[in-house]
Amino acid sequence: MYGANSRVGSIHLKRLYDCLLPESLQRQLSPGRLLVIAPAGRLHGLPFHALNDGATYLCQRAVVVYAPSLTALAFSLARAAELPARPQSLLAVAVEQFGDSV
């Protein structure tokens, strides 16, 4: 398989982008917009976030989230609607150096 950084890999990712994302959807993408993808069958192995339009990756054009299925997505959304609203927060931790590795 060709890597995403190779010319051939980039061509394939662009072709998949064009095939799998209709133009009407492409026009609605924006960096803060949530795009939920529920792949079926062999598409579960496809890295949708790495698809590109020739200039940027899909993950740069939208917040990409995967759902295992539409049924699971519907269940999760229904369950989330039942929960009381909570403030959203984030704790991010990074390690500058890990052992002797560079």
PDB file of N, CA and C in Angstrom:
ATOM      1  N   MET A   1       0.845  -1.180   0.000  1.00  0.00           N
ATOM      2  CA  MET A   1       0.000   0.000   0.000  1.00  0.00           C
ATOM      3  C   MET A   1       0.887   1.238   0.000  1.00  0.00           C
ATOM      4  N   TYR A   2       0.448   2.239  -0.647  1.00  0.00           N
ATOM      5  CA  TYR A   2       1.210   3.480  -0.718  1.00  0.00           C
ATOM      6  C   TYR A   2       0.871   4.362   0.469  1.00  0.00           C
ATOM      7  N   GLY A   3       1.866   5.057   1.000  1.00  0.00           N
ATOM      8  CA  GLY A   3       1.646   5.952   2.128  1.00  0.00           C
ATOM      9  C   GLY A   3       0.912   7.207   1.703  1.00  0.00           C
ATOM     10  N   ALA A   4       0.274   7.857   2.660  1.00  0.00           N
ATOM     11  CA  ALA A   4      -0.495   9.062   2.374  1.00  0.00           C
ATOM     12  C   ALA A   4       0.391  10.192   1.861  1.00  0.00           C
ATOM     13  N   ASN A   5       1.699  10.163   2.180  1.00  0.00           N
ATOM     14  CA  ASN A   5       2.595  11.225   1.750  1.00  0.00           C
ATOM     15  C   ASN A   5       3.175  10.988   0.365  1.00  0.00           C
ATOM     16  N   SER A   6       2.987   9.798  -0.189  1.00  0.00           N
ATOM     17  CA  SER A   6       3.508   9.541  -1.530  1.00  0.00           C
ATOM     18  C   SER A   6       2.567  10.147  -2.562  1.00  0.00           C
ATOM     19  N   ARG A   7       3.099  10.390  -3.737  1.00  0.00           N
ATOM     20  CA  ARG A   7       2.285  10.979  -4.806  1.00  0.00           C
ATOM     21  C   ARG A   7       1.128  10.056  -5.180  1.00  0.00           C
ATOM     22  N   VAL A   8       1.397   8.763  -5.316  1.00  0.00           N
ATOM     23  CA  VAL A   8       0.354   7.804  -5.673  1.00  0.00           C
ATOM     24  C   VAL A   8      -0.687   7.727  -4.568  1.00  0.00           C
ATOM     25  N   GLY A   9      -0.234   7.698  -3.307  1.00  0.00           N
ATOM     26  CA  GLY A   9      -1.160   7.666  -2.173  1.00  0.00           C
ATOM     27  C   GLY A   9      -2.044   8.890  -2.157  1.00  0.00           C
ATOM     28  N   SER A  10      -1.477  10.054  -2.424  1.00  0.00           N
ATOM     29  CA  SER A  10      -2.241  11.298  -2.441  1.00  0.00           C
ATOM     30  C   SER A  10      -3.293  11.289  -3.546  1.00  0.00           C
ATOM     31  N   ILE A  11      -2.939  10.738  -4.687  1.00  0.00           N
ATOM     32  CA  ILE A  11      -3.892  10.650  -5.797  1.00  0.00           C
ATOM     33  C   ILE A  11      -5.072   9.769  -5.409  1.00  0.00           C
ATOM     34  N   HIS A  12      -4.798   8.639  -4.752  1.00  0.00           N
ATOM     35  CA  HIS A  12      -5.875   7.744  -4.330  1.00  0.00           C
ATOM     36  C   HIS A  12      -6.766   8.388  -3.272  1.00  0.00           C
ATOM     37  N   LEU A  13      -6.154   9.089  -2.323  1.00  0.00           N
ATOM     38  CA  LEU A  13      -6.939   9.751  -1.286  1.00  0.00           C
ATOM     39  C   LEU A  13      -7.809  10.853  -1.875  1.00  0.00           C
ATOM     40  N   LYS A  14      -7.315  11.541  -2.898  1.00  0.00           N
ATOM     41  CA  LYS A  14      -8.102  12.579  -3.579  1.00  0.00           C
ATOM     42  C   LYS A  14      -9.264  11.952  -4.333  1.00  0.00           C
ATOM     43  N   ARG A  15      -9.019  10.847  -5.021  1.00  0.00           N
ATOM     44  CA  ARG A  15     -10.091  10.171  -5.771  1.00  0.00           C
ATOM     45  C   ARG A  15     -11.167   9.658  -4.828  1.00  0.00           C
ATOM     46  N   LEU A  16     -10.763   9.086  -3.692  1.00  0.00           N
ATOM     47  CA  LEU A  16     -11.736   8.613  -2.707  1.00  0.00           C
ATOM     48  C   LEU A  16     -12.527   9.787  -2.129  1.00  0.00           C
ATOM     49  N   TYR A  17     -11.850  10.890  -1.877  1.00  0.00           N
ATOM     50  CA  TYR A  17     -12.516  12.100  -1.375  1.00  0.00           C
ATOM     51  C   TYR A  17     -13.622  12.512  -2.341  1.00  0.00           C
ATOM     52  N   ASP A  18     -13.286  12.575  -3.621  1.00  0.00           N
ATOM     53  CA  ASP A  18     -14.258  12.988  -4.636  1.00  0.00           C
ATOM     54  C   ASP A  18     -15.406  11.989  -4.779  1.00  0.00           C
ATOM     55  N   CYS A  19     -15.110  10.700  -4.638  1.00  0.00           N
ATOM     56  CA  CYS A  19     -16.144   9.657  -4.795  1.00  0.00           C
ATOM     57  C   CYS A  19     -17.074   9.562  -3.586  1.00  0.00           C
ATOM     58  N   LEU A  20     -16.513   9.715  -2.394  1.00  0.00           N
ATOM     59  CA  LEU A  20     -17.282   9.453  -1.183  1.00  0.00           C
ATOM     60  C   LEU A  20     -17.932  10.685  -0.561  1.00  0.00           C
ATOM     61  N   LEU A  21     -17.454  11.857  -0.915  1.00  0.00           N
ATOM     62  CA  LEU A  21     -18.023  13.086  -0.354  1.00  0.00           C
ATOM     63  C   LEU A  21     -18.657  13.914  -1.471  1.00  0.00           C
ATOM     64  N   PRO A  22     -19.975  13.898  -1.561  1.00  0.00           N
ATOM     65  CA  PRO A  22     -20.636  14.677  -2.615  1.00  0.00           C
ATOM     66  C   PRO A  22     -20.300  16.164  -2.492  1.00  0.00           C
ATOM     67  N   GLU A  23     -20.344  16.869  -3.613  1.00  0.00           N
ATOM     68  CA  GLU A  23     -20.016  18.293  -3.616  1.00  0.00           C
ATOM     69  C   GLU A  23     -20.895  19.074  -2.659  1.00  0.00           C
ATOM     70  N   SER A  24     -22.165  18.693  -2.533  1.00  0.00           N
ATOM     71  CA  SER A  24     -23.066  19.400  -1.622  1.00  0.00           C
ATOM     72  C   SER A  24     -22.562  19.300  -0.182  1.00  0.00           C
ATOM     73  N   LEU A  25     -21.989  18.157   0.194  1.00  0.00           N
ATOM     74  CA  LEU A  25     -21.415  17.992   1.525  1.00  0.00           C
ATOM     75  C   LEU A  25     -20.097  18.756   1.631  1.00  0.00           C
ATOM     76  N   GLN A  26     -19.278  18.703   0.603  1.00  0.00           N
ATOM     77  CA  GLN A  26     -17.991  19.400   0.614  1.00  0.00           C
ATOM     78  C   GLN A  26     -18.180  20.890   0.854  1.00  0.00           C
ATOM     79  N   ARG A  27     -19.231  21.471   0.281  1.00  0.00           N
ATOM     80  CA  ARG A  27     -19.489  22.907   0.440  1.00  0.00           C
ATOM     81  C   ARG A  27     -19.879  23.256   1.877  1.00  0.00           C
ATOM     82  N   GLN A  28     -20.391  22.294   2.633  1.00  0.00           N
ATOM     83  CA  GLN A  28     -20.836  22.554   3.998  1.00  0.00           C
ATOM     84  C   GLN A  28     -19.740  22.354   5.046  1.00  0.00           C
ATOM     85  N   LEU A  29     -18.607  21.830   4.648  1.00  0.00           N
ATOM     86  CA  LEU A  29     -17.524  21.562   5.600  1.00  0.00           C
ATOM     87  C   LEU A  29     -16.903  22.857   6.097  1.00  0.00           C
ATOM     88  N   SER A  30     -16.570  22.876   7.385  1.00  0.00           N
ATOM     89  CA  SER A  30     -15.820  23.979   7.975  1.00  0.00           C
ATOM     90  C   SER A  30     -15.096  23.425   9.195  1.00  0.00           C
ATOM     91  N   PRO A  31     -13.975  24.028   9.589  1.00  0.00           N
ATOM     92  CA  PRO A  31     -13.146  23.459  10.651  1.00  0.00           C
ATOM     93  C   PRO A  31     -13.874  23.182  11.971  1.00  0.00           C
ATOM     94  N   GLY A  32     -14.899  23.924  12.307  1.00  0.00           N
ATOM     95  CA  GLY A  32     -15.610  23.695  13.555  1.00  0.00           C
ATOM     96  C   GLY A  32     -16.829  22.801  13.425  1.00  0.00           C
ATOM     97  N   ARG A  33     -17.128  22.386  12.217  1.00  0.00           N
ATOM     98  CA  ARG A  33     -18.343  21.600  11.961  1.00  0.00           C
ATOM     99  C   ARG A  33     -18.086  20.122  12.178  1.00  0.00           C
ATOM    100  N   LEU A  34     -19.037  19.453  12.815  1.00  0.00           N
ATOM    101  CA  LEU A  34     -18.924  18.031  13.124  1.00  0.00           C
ATOM    102  C   LEU A  34     -19.385  17.202  11.926  1.00  0.00           C
ATOM    103  N   LEU A  35     -18.568  16.248  11.529  1.00  0.00           N
ATOM    104  CA  LEU A  35     -18.908  15.309  10.463  1.00  0.00           C
ATOM    105  C   LEU A  35     -18.854  13.910  11.057  1.00  0.00           C
ATOM    106  N   VAL A  36     -20.018  13.277  11.192  1.00  0.00           N
ATOM    107  CA  VAL A  36     -20.085  11.930  11.751  1.00  0.00           C
ATOM    108  C   VAL A  36     -20.123  10.946  10.598  1.00  0.00           C
ATOM    109  N   ILE A  37     -19.216   9.985  10.611  1.00  0.00           N
ATOM    110  CA  ILE A  37     -19.127   8.984   9.563  1.00  0.00           C
ATOM    111  C   ILE A  37     -19.450   7.626  10.172  1.00  0.00           C
ATOM    112  N   ALA A  38     -20.425   6.928   9.579  1.00  0.00           N
ATOM    113  CA  ALA A  38     -20.793   5.577  10.013  1.00  0.00           C
ATOM    114  C   ALA A  38     -20.512   4.649   8.834  1.00  0.00           C
ATOM    115  N   PRO A  39     -19.276   4.187   8.703  1.00  0.00           N
ATOM    116  CA  PRO A  39     -18.913   3.353   7.556  1.00  0.00           C
ATOM    117  C   PRO A  39     -19.553   1.968   7.646  1.00  0.00           C
ATOM    118  N   ALA A  40     -19.748   1.365   6.497  1.00  0.00           N
ATOM    119  CA  ALA A  40     -20.324   0.014   6.443  1.00  0.00           C
ATOM    120  C   ALA A  40     -19.351  -0.917   5.728  1.00  0.00           C
ATOM    121  N   GLY A  41     -19.336  -2.164   6.144  1.00  0.00           N
ATOM    122  CA  GLY A  41     -18.526  -3.183   5.491  1.00  0.00           C
ATOM    123  C   GLY A  41     -17.058  -2.830   5.439  1.00  0.00           C
ATOM    124  N   ARG A  42     -16.492  -2.928   4.255  1.00  0.00           N
ATOM    125  CA  ARG A  42     -15.057  -2.681   4.071  1.00  0.00           C
ATOM    126  C   ARG A  42     -14.657  -1.236   4.314  1.00  0.00           C
ATOM    127  N   LEU A  43     -15.626  -0.340   4.307  1.00  0.00           N
ATOM    128  CA  LEU A  43     -15.308   1.068   4.544  1.00  0.00           C
ATOM    129  C   LEU A  43     -14.876   1.324   5.981  1.00  0.00           C
ATOM    130  N   HIS A  44     -15.096   0.359   6.889  1.00  0.00           N
ATOM    131  CA  HIS A  44     -14.641   0.513   8.271  1.00  0.00           C
ATOM    132  C   HIS A  44     -13.127   0.676   8.346  1.00  0.00           C
ATOM    133  N   GLY A  45     -12.407   0.139   7.404  1.00  0.00           N
ATOM    134  CA  GLY A  45     -10.949   0.228   7.411  1.00  0.00           C
ATOM    135  C   GLY A  45     -10.397   1.443   6.705  1.00  0.00           C
ATOM    136  N   LEU A  46     -11.262   2.262   6.134  1.00  0.00           N
ATOM    137  CA  LEU A  46     -10.811   3.430   5.379  1.00  0.00           C
ATOM    138  C   LEU A  46     -10.582   4.618   6.310  1.00  0.00           C
ATOM    139  N   PRO A  47      -9.418   5.231   6.247  1.00  0.00           N
ATOM    140  CA  PRO A  47      -9.153   6.392   7.107  1.00  0.00           C
ATOM    141  C   PRO A  47      -9.766   7.663   6.502  1.00  0.00           C
ATOM    142  N   PHE A  48     -11.063   7.856   6.719  1.00  0.00           N
ATOM    143  CA  PHE A  48     -11.761   9.006   6.136  1.00  0.00           C
ATOM    144  C   PHE A  48     -11.076  10.326   6.488  1.00  0.00           C
ATOM    145  N   HIS A  49     -10.554  10.432   7.713  1.00  0.00           N
ATOM    146  CA  HIS A  49      -9.921  11.676   8.142  1.00  0.00           C
ATOM    147  C   HIS A  49      -8.710  12.029   7.284  1.00  0.00           C
ATOM    148  N   ALA A  50      -8.115  11.041   6.606  1.00  0.00           N
ATOM    149  CA  ALA A  50      -6.931  11.269   5.775  1.00  0.00           C
ATOM    150  C   ALA A  50      -7.268  11.569   4.318  1.00  0.00           C
ATOM    151  N   LEU A  51      -8.539  11.465   3.936  1.00  0.00           N
ATOM    152  CA  LEU A  51      -8.913  11.814   2.573  1.00  0.00           C
ATOM    153  C   LEU A  51      -8.605  13.292   2.366  1.00  0.00           C
ATOM    154  N   ASN A  52      -8.218  13.649   1.133  1.00  0.00           N
ATOM    155  CA  ASN A  52      -7.899  15.058   0.901  1.00  0.00           C
ATOM    156  C   ASN A  52      -8.484  15.552  -0.402  1.00  0.00           C
ATOM    157  N   ASP A  53      -8.663  16.859  -0.452  1.00  0.00           N
ATOM    158  CA  ASP A  53      -9.238  17.507  -1.628  1.00  0.00           C
ATOM    159  C   ASP A  53      -8.160  18.001  -2.588  1.00  0.00           C
ATOM    160  N   GLY A  54      -6.934  17.588  -2.345  1.00  0.00           N
ATOM    161  CA  GLY A  54      -5.809  18.041  -3.155  1.00  0.00           C
ATOM    162  C   GLY A  54      -4.979  19.085  -2.444  1.00  0.00           C
ATOM    163  N   ALA A  55      -5.579  19.733  -1.436  1.00  0.00           N
ATOM    164  CA  ALA A  55      -4.863  20.766  -0.689  1.00  0.00           C
ATOM    165  C   ALA A  55      -4.876  20.501   0.815  1.00  0.00           C
ATOM    166  N   THR A  56      -6.006  20.022   1.333  1.00  0.00           N
ATOM    167  CA  THR A  56      -6.139  19.793   2.774  1.00  0.00           C
ATOM    168  C   THR A  56      -6.784  18.438   3.041  1.00  0.00           C
ATOM    169  N   TYR A  57      -6.478  17.908   4.216  1.00  0.00           N
ATOM    170  CA  TYR A  57      -7.091  16.647   4.631  1.00  0.00           C
ATOM    171  C   TYR A  57      -8.483  16.915   5.177  1.00  0.00           C
ATOM    172  N   LEU A  58      -9.330  15.908   5.121  1.00  0.00           N
ATOM    173  CA  LEU A  58     -10.694  16.046   5.610  1.00  0.00           C
ATOM    174  C   LEU A  58     -10.706  16.471   7.078  1.00  0.00           C
ATOM    175  N   CYS A  59      -9.785  15.940   7.879  1.00  0.00           N
ATOM    176  CA  CYS A  59      -9.744  16.295   9.305  1.00  0.00           C
ATOM    177  C   CYS A  59      -9.359  17.752   9.528  1.00  0.00           C
ATOM    178  N   GLN A  60      -8.840  18.429   8.506  1.00  0.00           N
ATOM    179  CA  GLN A  60      -8.555  19.852   8.603  1.00  0.00           C
ATOM    180  C   GLN A  60      -9.761  20.684   8.203  1.00  0.00           C
ATOM    181  N   ARG A  61     -10.682  20.073   7.494  1.00  0.00           N
ATOM    182  CA  ARG A  61     -11.857  20.789   7.002  1.00  0.00           C
ATOM    183  C   ARG A  61     -13.079  20.591   7.872  1.00  0.00           C
ATOM    184  N   ALA A  62     -13.043  19.597   8.795  1.00  0.00           N
ATOM    185  CA  ALA A  62     -14.174  19.332   9.690  1.00  0.00           C
ATOM    186  C   ALA A  62     -13.685  18.500  10.861  1.00  0.00           C
ATOM    187  N   VAL A  63     -14.490  18.453  11.913  1.00  0.00           N
ATOM    188  CA  VAL A  63     -14.213  17.576  13.050  1.00  0.00           C
ATOM    189  C   VAL A  63     -14.797  16.218  12.683  1.00  0.00           C
ATOM    190  N   VAL A  64     -13.928  15.242  12.417  1.00  0.00           N
ATOM    191  CA  VAL A  64     -14.364  13.926  11.941  1.00  0.00           C
ATOM    192  C   VAL A  64     -14.525  12.984  13.130  1.00  0.00           C
ATOM    193  N   VAL A  65     -15.714  12.390  13.231  1.00  0.00           N
ATOM    194  CA  VAL A  65     -16.032  11.438  14.292  1.00  0.00           C
ATOM    195  C   VAL A  65     -16.591  10.185  13.628  1.00  0.00           C
ATOM    196  N   TYR A  66     -16.187   9.026  14.130  1.00  0.00           N
ATOM    197  CA  TYR A  66     -16.666   7.762  13.583  1.00  0.00           C
ATOM    198  C   TYR A  66     -17.724   7.164  14.495  1.00  0.00           C
ATOM    199  N   ALA A  67     -18.768   6.595  13.896  1.00  0.00           N
ATOM    200  CA  ALA A  67     -19.778   5.824  14.619  1.00  0.00           C
ATOM    201  C   ALA A  67     -19.721   4.407  14.072  1.00  0.00           C
ATOM    202  N   PRO A  68     -19.811   3.392  14.933  1.00  0.00           N
ATOM    203  CA  PRO A  68     -19.712   2.023  14.432  1.00  0.00           C
ATOM    204  C   PRO A  68     -20.867   1.640  13.511  1.00  0.00           C
ATOM    205  N   SER A  69     -22.037   2.269  13.700  1.00  0.00           N
ATOM    206  CA  SER A  69     -23.187   2.018  12.838  1.00  0.00           C
ATOM    207  C   SER A  69     -24.205   3.130  13.054  1.00  0.00           C
ATOM    208  N   LEU A  70     -25.183   3.234  12.151  1.00  0.00           N
ATOM    209  CA  LEU A  70     -26.231   4.239  12.330  1.00  0.00           C
ATOM    210  C   LEU A  70     -27.103   3.906  13.532  1.00  0.00           C
ATOM    211  N   THR A  71     -27.295   2.615  13.804  1.00  0.00           N
ATOM    212  CA  THR A  71     -28.067   2.202  14.971  1.00  0.00           C
ATOM    213  C   THR A  71     -27.374   2.648  16.250  1.00  0.00           C
ATOM    214  N   ALA A  72     -26.071   2.429  16.331  1.00  0.00           N
ATOM    215  CA  ALA A  72     -25.311   2.853  17.507  1.00  0.00           C
ATOM    216  C   ALA A  72     -25.326   4.373  17.652  1.00  0.00           C
ATOM    217  N   LEU A  73     -25.240   5.085  16.538  1.00  0.00           N
ATOM    218  CA  LEU A  73     -25.285   6.543  16.567  1.00  0.00           C
ATOM    219  C   LEU A  73     -26.632   7.026  17.084  1.00  0.00           C
ATOM    220  N   ALA A  74     -27.718   6.460  16.559  1.00  0.00           N
ATOM    221  CA  ALA A  74     -29.065   6.852  16.994  1.00  0.00           C
ATOM    222  C   ALA A  74     -29.250   6.572  18.487  1.00  0.00           C
ATOM    223  N   PHE A  75     -28.782   5.414  18.959  1.00  0.00           N
ATOM    224  CA  PHE A  75     -28.887   5.067  20.372  1.00  0.00           C
ATOM    225  C   PHE A  75     -28.106   6.060  21.225  1.00  0.00           C
ATOM    226  N   SER A  76     -26.885   6.384  20.809  1.00  0.00           N
ATOM    227  CA  SER A  76     -26.040   7.308  21.562  1.00  0.00           C
ATOM    228  C   SER A  76     -26.655   8.704  21.618  1.00  0.00           C
ATOM    229  N   LEU A  77     -27.206   9.161  20.506  1.00  0.00           N
ATOM    230  CA  LEU A  77     -27.826  10.489  20.480  1.00  0.00           C
ATOM    231  C   LEU A  77     -29.062  10.537  21.374  1.00  0.00           C
ATOM    232  N   ALA A  78     -29.871   9.469  21.343  1.00  0.00           N
ATOM    233  CA  ALA A  78     -31.057   9.404  22.200  1.00  0.00           C
ATOM    234  C   ALA A  78     -30.646   9.389  23.667  1.00  0.00           C
ATOM    235  N   ARG A  79     -29.637   8.624  23.983  1.00  0.00           N
ATOM    236  CA  ARG A  79     -29.155   8.530  25.375  1.00  0.00           C
ATOM    237  C   ARG A  79     -28.576   9.864  25.831  1.00  0.00           C
ATOM    238  N   ALA A  80     -27.830  10.531  24.976  1.00  0.00           N
ATOM    239  CA  ALA A  80     -27.241  11.826  25.325  1.00  0.00           C
ATOM    240  C   ALA A  80     -28.319  12.874  25.584  1.00  0.00           C
ATOM    241  N   ALA A  81     -29.420  12.801  24.843  1.00  0.00           N
ATOM    242  CA  ALA A  81     -30.517  13.755  25.032  1.00  0.00           C
ATOM    243  C   ALA A  81     -31.175  13.586  26.397  1.00  0.00           C
ATOM    244  N   GLU A  82     -31.095  12.397  26.973  1.00  0.00           N
ATOM    245  CA  GLU A  82     -31.693  12.126  28.282  1.00  0.00           C
ATOM    246  C   GLU A  82     -30.839  12.632  29.436  1.00  0.00           C
ATOM    247  N   LEU A  83     -29.557  12.824  29.212  1.00  0.00           N
ATOM    248  CA  LEU A  83     -28.639  13.239  30.271  1.00  0.00           C
ATOM    249  C   LEU A  83     -28.730  14.738  30.510  1.00  0.00           C
ATOM    250  N   PRO A  84     -28.556  15.163  31.761  1.00  0.00           N
ATOM    251  CA  PRO A  84     -28.541  16.611  32.015  1.00  0.00           C
ATOM    252  C   PRO A  84     -27.312  17.242  31.372  1.00  0.00           C
ATOM    253  N   ALA A  85     -27.453  18.476  30.963  1.00  0.00           N
ATOM    254  CA  ALA A  85     -26.330  19.185  30.338  1.00  0.00           C
ATOM    255  C   ALA A  85     -25.211  19.378  31.357  1.00  0.00           C
ATOM    256  N   ARG A  86     -23.997  19.178  30.921  1.00  0.00           N
ATOM    257  CA  ARG A  86     -22.834  19.345  31.785  1.00  0.00           C
ATOM    258  C   ARG A  86     -21.875  20.323  31.123  1.00  0.00           C
ATOM    259  N   PRO A  87     -21.146  21.065  31.934  1.00  0.00           N
ATOM    260  CA  PRO A  87     -20.134  21.935  31.324  1.00  0.00           C
ATOM    261  C   PRO A  87     -19.067  21.082  30.654  1.00  0.00           C
ATOM    262  N   GLN A  88     -18.604  21.534  29.521  1.00  0.00           N
ATOM    263  CA  GLN A  88     -17.570  20.801  28.808  1.00  0.00           C
ATOM    264  C   GLN A  88     -16.210  21.356  29.194  1.00  0.00           C
ATOM    265  N   SER A  89     -15.285  20.462  29.439  1.00  0.00           N
ATOM    266  CA  SER A  89     -13.932  20.885  29.768  1.00  0.00           C
ATOM    267  C   SER A  89     -12.948  19.869  29.214  1.00  0.00           C
ATOM    268  N   LEU A  90     -11.703  20.235  29.217  1.00  0.00           N
ATOM    269  CA  LEU A  90     -10.660  19.380  28.673  1.00  0.00           C
ATOM    270  C   LEU A  90      -9.417  19.492  29.535  1.00  0.00           C
ATOM    271  N   LEU A  91      -8.823  18.365  29.815  1.00  0.00           N
ATOM    272  CA  LEU A  91      -7.519  18.322  30.455  1.00  0.00           C
ATOM    273  C   LEU A  91      -6.588  17.630  29.474  1.00  0.00           C
ATOM    274  N   ALA A  92      -5.588  18.348  28.985  1.00  0.00           N
ATOM    275  CA  ALA A  92      -4.623  17.781  28.048  1.00  0.00           C
ATOM    276  C   ALA A  92      -3.272  17.714  28.718  1.00  0.00           C
ATOM    277  N   VAL A  93      -2.621  16.570  28.629  1.00  0.00           N
ATOM    278  CA  VAL A  93      -1.319  16.372  29.244  1.00  0.00           C
ATOM    279  C   VAL A  93      -0.374  15.862  28.165  1.00  0.00           C
ATOM    280  N   ALA A  94       0.830  16.421  28.130  1.00  0.00           N
ATOM    281  CA  ALA A  94       1.808  15.990  27.135  1.00  0.00           C
ATOM    282  C   ALA A  94       3.141  15.724  27.830  1.00  0.00           C
ATOM    283  N   VAL A  95       3.879  14.802  27.297  1.00  0.00           N
ATOM    284  CA  VAL A  95       5.203  14.471  27.817  1.00  0.00           C
ATOM    285  C   VAL A  95       6.216  14.991  26.795  1.00  0.00           C
ATOM    286  N   GLU A  96       7.078  15.919  27.241  1.00  0.00           N
ATOM    287  CA  GLU A  96       8.051  16.501  26.323  1.00  0.00           C
ATOM    288  C   GLU A  96       9.106  15.471  25.920  1.00  0.00           C
ATOM    289  N   GLN A  97       9.601  14.734  26.878  1.00  0.00           N
ATOM    290  CA  GLN A  97      10.597  13.691  26.581  1.00  0.00           C
ATOM    291  C   GLN A  97      10.150  12.418  27.263  1.00  0.00           C
ATOM    292  N   PHE A  98      10.264  11.327  26.538  1.00  0.00           N
ATOM    293  CA  PHE A  98       9.860  10.033  27.074  1.00  0.00           C
ATOM    294  C   PHE A  98      11.054   9.102  27.011  1.00  0.00           C
ATOM    295  N   GLY A  99      11.709   8.914  28.130  1.00  0.00           N
ATOM    296  CA  GLY A  99      12.887   8.047  28.149  1.00  0.00           C
ATOM    297  C   GLY A  99      14.003   8.610  27.304  1.00  0.00           C
ATOM    298  N   ASP A 100      14.720   7.710  26.620  1.00  0.00           N
ATOM    299  CA  ASP A 100      15.836   8.118  25.777  1.00  0.00           C
ATOM    300  C   ASP A 100      15.439   8.311  24.325  1.00  0.00           C
ATOM    301  N   SER A 101      14.168   8.076  24.003  1.00  0.00           N
ATOM    302  CA  SER A 101      13.764   8.194  22.592  1.00  0.00           C
ATOM    303  C   SER A 101      13.689   9.649  22.191  1.00  0.00           C
ATOM    304  N   VAL A 102      13.880   9.880  20.906  1.00  0.00           N
ATOM    305  CA  VAL A 102      13.880  11.242  20.380  1.00  0.00           C
ATOM    306  C   VAL A 102      12.541  11.538  19.765  1.00  0.00           C
TER     307      VAL A 102
END
